[in-house]
């Protein structure tokens, strides 16, 4: 089966599962907000799943079956969803490492890291792609991106640090409403235990990250790996010398960026200007 056909099949399956969730929720006489509260989730998450724009993951399917008393129907549906090749082969290894990482450090100077993106922001990112994606492809990519964020909601999430350029935070990708939502989301993330968010201010006279964005991660066996992306590909870096250089750069970036409290203050000011 060709990749685009697999993506269409996956999107159709997501819509079917979403319709099942909506049917079971209504039968249980619950609103989306009430179901979200019982699942410790966001109402927007339930809405996206029911509309087929976001995949229902197995752990949430299990909780829904319990709350809605559906005898394992949703869990069975998710287990039999078709697979889809959305992530390029050169990124798959990084994604596997990210899912099990003990610690993650991100420097971003062009776009928000995927772990910080809202659904609207992610959709704006994929809508900006040249050449363009189809609607089904965009839906599937957005779902995959949001699914990555499950690691931040684990019982023991990775310790995560973000240094993000102020230009990225001020950018209005997706429009005014998306920008406002993104700022509110970032402000919420800045208060989340285990997450350190720092903004690199504009008009600096020195900058340790001029060579571009990168990610550092620590594996469960305490190895350190780096990951970089370019226009047409990416690479995992395990060479100790290269890792040392990037670790030094990240340490310097953290000293050059606003501290976490000043970052919250900047986000508050930006929100107040809207």
C-alpha atoms as a PDB file:
ATOM      1  CA  UNK A   1       0.000   0.000   0.000  1.00  0.00           C
ATOM      2  CA  UNK A   2       1.362   3.441  -0.940  1.00  0.00           C
ATOM      3  CA  UNK A   3       2.117   5.910   1.948  1.00  0.00           C
ATOM      4  CA  UNK A   4      -0.692   8.309   0.999  1.00  0.00           C
ATOM      5  CA  UNK A   5      -3.212   5.449   0.899  1.00  0.00           C
ATOM      6  CA  UNK A   6      -2.043   4.301   4.326  1.00  0.00           C
ATOM      7  CA  UNK A   7      -2.493   7.830   5.649  1.00  0.00           C
ATOM      8  CA  UNK A   8      -6.045   8.025   4.255  1.00  0.00           C
ATOM      9  CA  UNK A   9      -6.847   4.641   5.801  1.00  0.00           C
ATOM     10  CA  UNK A  10      -5.469   5.753   9.158  1.00  0.00           C
ATOM     11  CA  UNK A  11      -7.445   9.028   9.042  1.00  0.00           C
ATOM     12  CA  UNK A  12     -10.655   7.102   8.315  1.00  0.00           C
ATOM     13  CA  UNK A  13      -9.975   4.746  11.212  1.00  0.00           C
ATOM     14  CA  UNK A  14      -9.384   7.717  13.529  1.00  0.00           C
ATOM     15  CA  UNK A  15     -12.744   9.176  12.523  1.00  0.00           C
ATOM     16  CA  UNK A  16     -14.456   5.844  13.160  1.00  0.00           C
ATOM     17  CA  UNK A  17     -12.912   5.511  16.626  1.00  0.00           C
ATOM     18  CA  UNK A  18     -13.815   9.147  17.334  1.00  0.00           C
ATOM     19  CA  UNK A  19     -17.423   8.486  16.364  1.00  0.00           C
ATOM     20  CA  UNK A  20     -17.484   5.505  18.740  1.00  0.00           C
ATOM     21  CA  UNK A  21     -16.185   7.666  21.591  1.00  0.00           C
ATOM     22  CA  UNK A  22     -18.881  10.265  20.914  1.00  0.00           C
ATOM     23  CA  UNK A  23     -21.612   7.601  20.752  1.00  0.00           C
ATOM     24  CA  UNK A  24     -20.511   5.962  24.027  1.00  0.00           C
ATOM     25  CA  UNK A  25     -20.156   9.356  25.761  1.00  0.00           C
ATOM     26  CA  UNK A  26     -23.653  10.450  24.764  1.00  0.00           C
ATOM     27  CA  UNK A  27     -25.053   7.073  25.863  1.00  0.00           C
ATOM     28  CA  UNK A  28     -23.412   7.662  29.255  1.00  0.00           C
ATOM     29  CA  UNK A  29     -25.108  11.095  29.379  1.00  0.00           C
ATOM     30  CA  UNK A  30     -21.806  12.950  29.733  1.00  0.00           C
ATOM     31  CA  UNK A  31     -20.666  16.165  28.094  1.00  0.00           C
ATOM     32  CA  UNK A  32     -17.181  16.406  26.616  1.00  0.00           C
ATOM     33  CA  UNK A  33     -16.126  18.508  29.589  1.00  0.00           C
ATOM     34  CA  UNK A  34     -17.527  16.008  32.102  1.00  0.00           C
ATOM     35  CA  UNK A  35     -15.753  13.122  30.383  1.00  0.00           C
ATOM     36  CA  UNK A  36     -12.522  15.126  30.274  1.00  0.00           C
ATOM     37  CA  UNK A  37     -12.746  15.816  34.005  1.00  0.00           C
ATOM     38  CA  UNK A  38     -13.193  12.121  34.789  1.00  0.00           C
ATOM     39  CA  UNK A  39     -10.193  11.273  32.607  1.00  0.00           C
ATOM     40  CA  UNK A  40      -8.031  14.135  33.943  1.00  0.00           C
ATOM     41  CA  UNK A  41      -7.776  15.419  30.361  1.00  0.00           C
ATOM     42  CA  UNK A  42      -8.627  18.624  28.525  1.00  0.00           C
ATOM     43  CA  UNK A  43     -12.062  19.088  26.855  1.00  0.00           C
ATOM     44  CA  UNK A  44     -10.222  20.064  23.668  1.00  0.00           C
ATOM     45  CA  UNK A  45      -8.539  16.646  23.683  1.00  0.00           C
ATOM     46  CA  UNK A  46     -11.884  14.846  23.838  1.00  0.00           C
ATOM     47  CA  UNK A  47     -13.291  17.067  21.077  1.00  0.00           C
ATOM     48  CA  UNK A  48     -10.284  16.388  18.823  1.00  0.00           C
ATOM     49  CA  UNK A  49     -10.559  12.621  19.360  1.00  0.00           C
ATOM     50  CA  UNK A  50     -14.290  12.607  18.610  1.00  0.00           C
ATOM     51  CA  UNK A  51     -13.735  14.645  15.441  1.00  0.00           C
ATOM     52  CA  UNK A  52     -11.069  12.201  14.252  1.00  0.00           C
ATOM     53  CA  UNK A  53      -8.344  14.843  14.341  1.00  0.00           C
ATOM     54  CA  UNK A  54      -6.402  13.192  17.147  1.00  0.00           C
ATOM     55  CA  UNK A  55      -5.659   9.522  17.688  1.00  0.00           C
ATOM     56  CA  UNK A  56      -7.024   7.800  20.765  1.00  0.00           C
ATOM     57  CA  UNK A  57      -4.030   6.273  22.530  1.00  0.00           C
ATOM     58  CA  UNK A  58      -4.243   2.913  24.268  1.00  0.00           C
ATOM     59  CA  UNK A  59      -3.895   4.180  27.883  1.00  0.00           C
ATOM     60  CA  UNK A  60      -6.732   6.696  27.419  1.00  0.00           C
ATOM     61  CA  UNK A  61      -8.832   4.099  25.574  1.00  0.00           C
ATOM     62  CA  UNK A  62      -8.523   1.841  28.600  1.00  0.00           C
ATOM     63  CA  UNK A  63      -9.582   4.645  30.963  1.00  0.00           C
ATOM     64  CA  UNK A  64     -12.513   5.543  28.694  1.00  0.00           C
ATOM     65  CA  UNK A  65     -13.687   1.920  28.657  1.00  0.00           C
ATOM     66  CA  UNK A  66     -13.697   2.007  32.451  1.00  0.00           C
ATOM     67  CA  UNK A  67     -15.477   5.360  32.763  1.00  0.00           C
ATOM     68  CA  UNK A  68     -18.013   4.636  30.002  1.00  0.00           C
ATOM     69  CA  UNK A  69     -18.436   0.939  30.868  1.00  0.00           C
ATOM     70  CA  UNK A  70     -17.855  -0.140  27.277  1.00  0.00           C
ATOM     71  CA  UNK A  71     -16.449  -3.616  28.058  1.00  0.00           C
ATOM     72  CA  UNK A  72     -13.094  -2.962  26.368  1.00  0.00           C
ATOM     73  CA  UNK A  73     -14.612  -1.878  23.040  1.00  0.00           C
ATOM     74  CA  UNK A  74     -12.450   1.218  22.611  1.00  0.00           C
ATOM     75  CA  UNK A  75      -9.261  -0.537  23.679  1.00  0.00           C
ATOM     76  CA  UNK A  76      -9.943  -3.269  21.105  1.00  0.00           C
ATOM     77  CA  UNK A  77     -10.617  -0.664  18.399  1.00  0.00           C
ATOM     78  CA  UNK A  78      -7.340   1.149  19.112  1.00  0.00           C
ATOM     79  CA  UNK A  79      -5.347  -2.093  19.157  1.00  0.00           C
ATOM     80  CA  UNK A  80      -6.633  -2.881  15.669  1.00  0.00           C
ATOM     81  CA  UNK A  81      -6.056   0.548  14.131  1.00  0.00           C
ATOM     82  CA  UNK A  82      -3.937   0.397  10.946  1.00  0.00           C
ATOM     83  CA  UNK A  83      -0.364   1.577  11.221  1.00  0.00           C
ATOM     84  CA  UNK A  84       0.795   4.563   9.170  1.00  0.00           C
ATOM     85  CA  UNK A  85       4.271   5.659   8.153  1.00  0.00           C
ATOM     86  CA  UNK A  86       4.167   9.345   9.029  1.00  0.00           C
ATOM     87  CA  UNK A  87       7.601   9.892  10.519  1.00  0.00           C
ATOM     88  CA  UNK A  88      10.524   9.836   8.087  1.00  0.00           C
ATOM     89  CA  UNK A  89      12.919   6.944   8.619  1.00  0.00           C
ATOM     90  CA  UNK A  90      15.699   9.335   9.574  1.00  0.00           C
ATOM     91  CA  UNK A  91      13.640  10.653  12.515  1.00  0.00           C
ATOM     92  CA  UNK A  92      12.233   7.358  13.830  1.00  0.00           C
ATOM     93  CA  UNK A  93      15.279   6.517  15.943  1.00  0.00           C
ATOM     94  CA  UNK A  94      15.152   9.890  17.667  1.00  0.00           C
ATOM     95  CA  UNK A  95      11.433   9.444  18.396  1.00  0.00           C
ATOM     96  CA  UNK A  96      12.155   6.098  20.062  1.00  0.00           C
ATOM     97  CA  UNK A  97      14.845   7.716  22.195  1.00  0.00           C
ATOM     98  CA  UNK A  98      12.597  10.634  23.134  1.00  0.00           C
ATOM     99  CA  UNK A  99       9.842   8.318  24.396  1.00  0.00           C
ATOM    100  CA  UNK A 100      12.164   6.757  26.977  1.00  0.00           C
ATOM    101  CA  UNK A 101      14.470   9.694  27.757  1.00  0.00           C
ATOM    102  CA  UNK A 102      15.332  10.609  31.339  1.00  0.00           C
ATOM    103  CA  UNK A 103      16.106  14.216  30.410  1.00  0.00           C
ATOM    104  CA  UNK A 104      15.607  16.434  27.355  1.00  0.00           C
ATOM    105  CA  UNK A 105      17.091  19.831  26.433  1.00  0.00           C
ATOM    106  CA  UNK A 106      15.791  21.822  23.458  1.00  0.00           C
ATOM    107  CA  UNK A 107      17.167  24.929  21.794  1.00  0.00           C
ATOM    108  CA  UNK A 108      14.691  26.352  19.249  1.00  0.00           C
ATOM    109  CA  UNK A 109      15.160  29.482  17.168  1.00  0.00           C
ATOM    110  CA  UNK A 110      12.679  28.953  14.294  1.00  0.00           C
ATOM    111  CA  UNK A 111       9.599  27.127  15.572  1.00  0.00           C
ATOM    112  CA  UNK A 112       8.350  25.910  18.941  1.00  0.00           C
ATOM    113  CA  UNK A 113       9.538  22.408  19.879  1.00  0.00           C
ATOM    114  CA  UNK A 114       6.853  19.815  19.163  1.00  0.00           C
ATOM    115  CA  UNK A 115       6.436  19.097  22.886  1.00  0.00           C
ATOM    116  CA  UNK A 116       5.289  22.708  23.419  1.00  0.00           C
ATOM    117  CA  UNK A 117       2.939  23.028  20.459  1.00  0.00           C
ATOM    118  CA  UNK A 118      -0.830  23.334  20.779  1.00  0.00           C
ATOM    119  CA  UNK A 119      -3.027  21.612  18.225  1.00  0.00           C
ATOM    120  CA  UNK A 120      -3.702  24.916  16.416  1.00  0.00           C
ATOM    121  CA  UNK A 121      -0.008  25.793  16.340  1.00  0.00           C
ATOM    122  CA  UNK A 122       0.956  22.345  15.039  1.00  0.00           C
ATOM    123  CA  UNK A 123      -1.714  22.620  12.360  1.00  0.00           C
ATOM    124  CA  UNK A 124      -0.331  26.032  11.333  1.00  0.00           C
ATOM    125  CA  UNK A 125       3.159  24.516  11.091  1.00  0.00           C
ATOM    126  CA  UNK A 126       2.028  21.733   8.761  1.00  0.00           C
ATOM    127  CA  UNK A 127      -0.223  24.086   6.790  1.00  0.00           C
ATOM    128  CA  UNK A 128       2.908  26.159   6.072  1.00  0.00           C
ATOM    129  CA  UNK A 129       4.755  23.276   4.453  1.00  0.00           C
ATOM    130  CA  UNK A 130       5.964  23.664   0.870  1.00  0.00           C
ATOM    131  CA  UNK A 131       4.983  21.583  -1.064  1.00  0.00           C
ATOM    132  CA  UNK A 132       1.656  21.377   0.712  1.00  0.00           C
ATOM    133  CA  UNK A 133       0.246  18.380   2.559  1.00  0.00           C
ATOM    134  CA  UNK A 134      -3.276  17.105   1.891  1.00  0.00           C
ATOM    135  CA  UNK A 135      -5.888  17.673   4.617  1.00  0.00           C
ATOM    136  CA  UNK A 136      -5.683  14.019   5.694  1.00  0.00           C
ATOM    137  CA  UNK A 137      -1.891  14.195   5.837  1.00  0.00           C
ATOM    138  CA  UNK A 138      -2.038  17.335   7.975  1.00  0.00           C
ATOM    139  CA  UNK A 139      -4.537  15.710  10.343  1.00  0.00           C
ATOM    140  CA  UNK A 140      -2.356  12.639  10.699  1.00  0.00           C
ATOM    141  CA  UNK A 141       0.857  14.627  11.272  1.00  0.00           C
ATOM    142  CA  UNK A 142      -0.826  16.848  13.876  1.00  0.00           C
ATOM    143  CA  UNK A 143      -2.066  13.769  15.705  1.00  0.00           C
ATOM    144  CA  UNK A 144       1.407  12.245  15.769  1.00  0.00           C
ATOM    145  CA  UNK A 145       2.912  15.486  17.051  1.00  0.00           C
ATOM    146  CA  UNK A 146       0.394  15.827  19.870  1.00  0.00           C
ATOM    147  CA  UNK A 147       0.780  12.172  20.793  1.00  0.00           C
ATOM    148  CA  UNK A 148       4.461  12.829  21.504  1.00  0.00           C
ATOM    149  CA  UNK A 149       3.412  15.107  24.352  1.00  0.00           C
ATOM    150  CA  UNK A 150       2.159  12.117  26.348  1.00  0.00           C
ATOM    151  CA  UNK A 151       5.682  11.750  27.763  1.00  0.00           C
ATOM    152  CA  UNK A 152       5.188  15.019  29.670  1.00  0.00           C
ATOM    153  CA  UNK A 153       2.096  13.543  31.344  1.00  0.00           C
ATOM    154  CA  UNK A 154       3.721  10.312  32.500  1.00  0.00           C
ATOM    155  CA  UNK A 155       3.780   9.486  36.212  1.00  0.00           C
ATOM    156  CA  UNK A 156       7.524  10.150  36.044  1.00  0.00           C
ATOM    157  CA  UNK A 157       8.045  12.533  33.099  1.00  0.00           C
ATOM    158  CA  UNK A 158      11.523  13.381  31.841  1.00  0.00           C
ATOM    159  CA  UNK A 159      13.234  16.452  33.230  1.00  0.00           C
ATOM    160  CA  UNK A 160      12.841  18.877  30.338  1.00  0.00           C
ATOM    161  CA  UNK A 161      14.524  22.184  29.558  1.00  0.00           C
ATOM    162  CA  UNK A 162      13.605  24.544  26.725  1.00  0.00           C
ATOM    163  CA  UNK A 163      15.489  27.599  25.483  1.00  0.00           C
ATOM    164  CA  UNK A 164      13.316  29.299  22.875  1.00  0.00           C
ATOM    165  CA  UNK A 165      14.089  32.421  20.868  1.00  0.00           C
ATOM    166  CA  UNK A 166      11.874  35.413  21.653  1.00  0.00           C
ATOM    167  CA  UNK A 167      11.266  35.727  17.907  1.00  0.00           C
ATOM    168  CA  UNK A 168       9.515  32.346  17.947  1.00  0.00           C
ATOM    169  CA  UNK A 169       7.328  33.404  20.871  1.00  0.00           C
ATOM    170  CA  UNK A 170       6.392  36.720  19.218  1.00  0.00           C
ATOM    171  CA  UNK A 171       5.687  35.130  15.831  1.00  0.00           C
ATOM    172  CA  UNK A 172       1.954  34.991  15.011  1.00  0.00           C
ATOM    173  CA  UNK A 173       2.025  31.711  13.128  1.00  0.00           C
ATOM    174  CA  UNK A 174      -1.568  30.613  12.560  1.00  0.00           C
ATOM    175  CA  UNK A 175      -3.090  34.019  13.340  1.00  0.00           C
ATOM    176  CA  UNK A 176      -4.085  36.046  16.383  1.00  0.00           C
ATOM    177  CA  UNK A 177      -6.195  33.407  18.135  1.00  0.00           C
ATOM    178  CA  UNK A 178      -3.537  30.730  17.701  1.00  0.00           C
ATOM    179  CA  UNK A 179      -0.894  33.141  18.994  1.00  0.00           C
ATOM    180  CA  UNK A 180      -2.962  33.980  22.074  1.00  0.00           C
ATOM    181  CA  UNK A 181      -3.616  30.294  22.780  1.00  0.00           C
ATOM    182  CA  UNK A 182       0.072  29.496  22.323  1.00  0.00           C
ATOM    183  CA  UNK A 183       1.150  32.168  24.797  1.00  0.00           C
ATOM    184  CA  UNK A 184      -1.350  30.907  27.373  1.00  0.00           C
ATOM    185  CA  UNK A 185      -0.134  27.355  26.825  1.00  0.00           C
ATOM    186  CA  UNK A 186       3.506  28.373  27.236  1.00  0.00           C
ATOM    187  CA  UNK A 187       2.623  30.258  30.423  1.00  0.00           C
ATOM    188  CA  UNK A 188       0.974  27.099  31.756  1.00  0.00           C
ATOM    189  CA  UNK A 189       3.955  24.955  30.771  1.00  0.00           C
ATOM    190  CA  UNK A 190       6.258  27.383  32.578  1.00  0.00           C
ATOM    191  CA  UNK A 191       4.475  26.464  35.826  1.00  0.00           C
ATOM    192  CA  UNK A 192       4.646  22.708  35.247  1.00  0.00           C
ATOM    193  CA  UNK A 193       6.978  20.796  37.603  1.00  0.00           C
ATOM    194  CA  UNK A 194       9.882  19.228  35.727  1.00  0.00           C
ATOM    195  CA  UNK A 195       9.772  21.770  32.888  1.00  0.00           C
ATOM    196  CA  UNK A 196      12.178  24.708  32.708  1.00  0.00           C
ATOM    197  CA  UNK A 197      11.196  27.236  30.026  1.00  0.00           C
ATOM    198  CA  UNK A 198      13.555  30.083  29.180  1.00  0.00           C
ATOM    199  CA  UNK A 199      13.237  32.679  26.441  1.00  0.00           C
ATOM    200  CA  UNK A 200      16.317  33.950  24.629  1.00  0.00           C
ATOM    201  CA  UNK A 201      15.700  37.705  24.335  1.00  0.00           C
ATOM    202  CA  UNK A 202      16.127  39.713  21.162  1.00  0.00           C
ATOM    203  CA  UNK A 203      18.840  42.351  20.694  1.00  0.00           C
ATOM    204  CA  UNK A 204      21.589  40.315  22.351  1.00  0.00           C
ATOM    205  CA  UNK A 205      25.190  41.184  21.432  1.00  0.00           C
ATOM    206  CA  UNK A 206      26.361  37.557  21.900  1.00  0.00           C
ATOM    207  CA  UNK A 207      24.596  34.286  21.187  1.00  0.00           C
ATOM    208  CA  UNK A 208      25.879  30.719  21.700  1.00  0.00           C
ATOM    209  CA  UNK A 209      23.374  29.082  19.334  1.00  0.00           C
ATOM    210  CA  UNK A 210      23.965  30.768  16.000  1.00  0.00           C
ATOM    211  CA  UNK A 211      24.577  27.425  14.273  1.00  0.00           C
ATOM    212  CA  UNK A 212      20.911  26.495  14.682  1.00  0.00           C
ATOM    213  CA  UNK A 213      18.546  24.417  16.805  1.00  0.00           C
ATOM    214  CA  UNK A 214      19.462  21.133  18.486  1.00  0.00           C
ATOM    215  CA  UNK A 215      18.273  18.675  21.121  1.00  0.00           C
ATOM    216  CA  UNK A 216      20.222  16.905  23.850  1.00  0.00           C
ATOM    217  CA  UNK A 217      18.783  13.862  25.600  1.00  0.00           C
ATOM    218  CA  UNK A 218      19.806  11.394  28.264  1.00  0.00           C
ATOM    219  CA  UNK A 219      18.825   7.747  27.784  1.00  0.00           C
ATOM    220  CA  UNK A 220      17.695   5.338  30.535  1.00  0.00           C
ATOM    221  CA  UNK A 221      21.218   3.915  30.651  1.00  0.00           C
ATOM    222  CA  UNK A 222      22.611   7.450  31.144  1.00  0.00           C
ATOM    223  CA  UNK A 223      24.041   7.891  27.654  1.00  0.00           C
ATOM    224  CA  UNK A 224      23.917  11.348  26.129  1.00  0.00           C
ATOM    225  CA  UNK A 225      22.682  11.758  22.551  1.00  0.00           C
ATOM    226  CA  UNK A 226      22.195  14.861  20.416  1.00  0.00           C
ATOM    227  CA  UNK A 227      19.802  15.419  17.522  1.00  0.00           C
ATOM    228  CA  UNK A 228      19.866  18.109  14.859  1.00  0.00           C
ATOM    229  CA  UNK A 229      17.570  18.836  11.917  1.00  0.00           C
ATOM    230  CA  UNK A 230      18.099  20.676   8.643  1.00  0.00           C
ATOM    231  CA  UNK A 231      15.915  21.493   5.648  1.00  0.00           C
ATOM    232  CA  UNK A 232      16.188  18.018   4.112  1.00  0.00           C
ATOM    233  CA  UNK A 233      17.188  15.658   6.889  1.00  0.00           C
ATOM    234  CA  UNK A 234      18.507  15.143  10.381  1.00  0.00           C
ATOM    235  CA  UNK A 235      21.170  13.308  12.293  1.00  0.00           C
ATOM    236  CA  UNK A 236      21.705  11.646  15.636  1.00  0.00           C
ATOM    237  CA  UNK A 237      25.037  12.479  17.243  1.00  0.00           C
ATOM    238  CA  UNK A 238      26.721  10.150  19.723  1.00  0.00           C
ATOM    239  CA  UNK A 239      30.367  11.197  19.367  1.00  0.00           C
ATOM    240  CA  UNK A 240      31.509  12.303  22.862  1.00  0.00           C
ATOM    241  CA  UNK A 241      33.426  15.302  21.516  1.00  0.00           C
ATOM    242  CA  UNK A 242      30.425  16.597  19.557  1.00  0.00           C
ATOM    243  CA  UNK A 243      28.112  15.978  22.510  1.00  0.00           C
ATOM    244  CA  UNK A 244      30.497  17.930  24.752  1.00  0.00           C
ATOM    245  CA  UNK A 245      30.481  20.896  22.365  1.00  0.00           C
ATOM    246  CA  UNK A 246      26.680  20.996  22.204  1.00  0.00           C
ATOM    247  CA  UNK A 247      26.392  20.573  25.977  1.00  0.00           C
ATOM    248  CA  UNK A 248      28.736  23.549  26.447  1.00  0.00           C
ATOM    249  CA  UNK A 249      26.646  25.589  24.021  1.00  0.00           C
ATOM    250  CA  UNK A 250      23.435  24.690  25.822  1.00  0.00           C
ATOM    251  CA  UNK A 251      24.914  25.626  29.180  1.00  0.00           C
ATOM    252  CA  UNK A 252      25.944  29.002  27.740  1.00  0.00           C
ATOM    253  CA  UNK A 253      22.510  29.490  26.140  1.00  0.00           C
ATOM    254  CA  UNK A 254      20.864  29.008  29.529  1.00  0.00           C
ATOM    255  CA  UNK A 255      23.023  31.747  31.025  1.00  0.00           C
ATOM    256  CA  UNK A 256      22.250  34.093  28.105  1.00  0.00           C
ATOM    257  CA  UNK A 257      18.492  33.456  28.166  1.00  0.00           C
ATOM    258  CA  UNK A 258      16.029  34.978  30.606  1.00  0.00           C
ATOM    259  CA  UNK A 259      15.715  32.907  33.763  1.00  0.00           C
ATOM    260  CA  UNK A 260      12.486  31.006  34.355  1.00  0.00           C
ATOM    261  CA  UNK A 261      10.887  33.749  36.473  1.00  0.00           C
ATOM    262  CA  UNK A 262      11.756  36.512  33.998  1.00  0.00           C
ATOM    263  CA  UNK A 263      10.438  34.285  31.210  1.00  0.00           C
ATOM    264  CA  UNK A 264       7.076  34.083  32.987  1.00  0.00           C
ATOM    265  CA  UNK A 265       7.122  37.870  33.300  1.00  0.00           C
ATOM    266  CA  UNK A 266       7.735  38.306  29.573  1.00  0.00           C
ATOM    267  CA  UNK A 267       4.920  35.900  28.720  1.00  0.00           C
ATOM    268  CA  UNK A 268       2.604  37.810  31.053  1.00  0.00           C
ATOM    269  CA  UNK A 269       3.518  41.084  29.340  1.00  0.00           C
ATOM    270  CA  UNK A 270       2.947  39.606  25.887  1.00  0.00           C
ATOM    271  CA  UNK A 271      -0.441  38.289  26.987  1.00  0.00           C
ATOM    272  CA  UNK A 272      -1.300  41.700  28.398  1.00  0.00           C
ATOM    273  CA  UNK A 273      -0.535  43.339  25.044  1.00  0.00           C
ATOM    274  CA  UNK A 274      -3.109  41.226  23.193  1.00  0.00           C
END
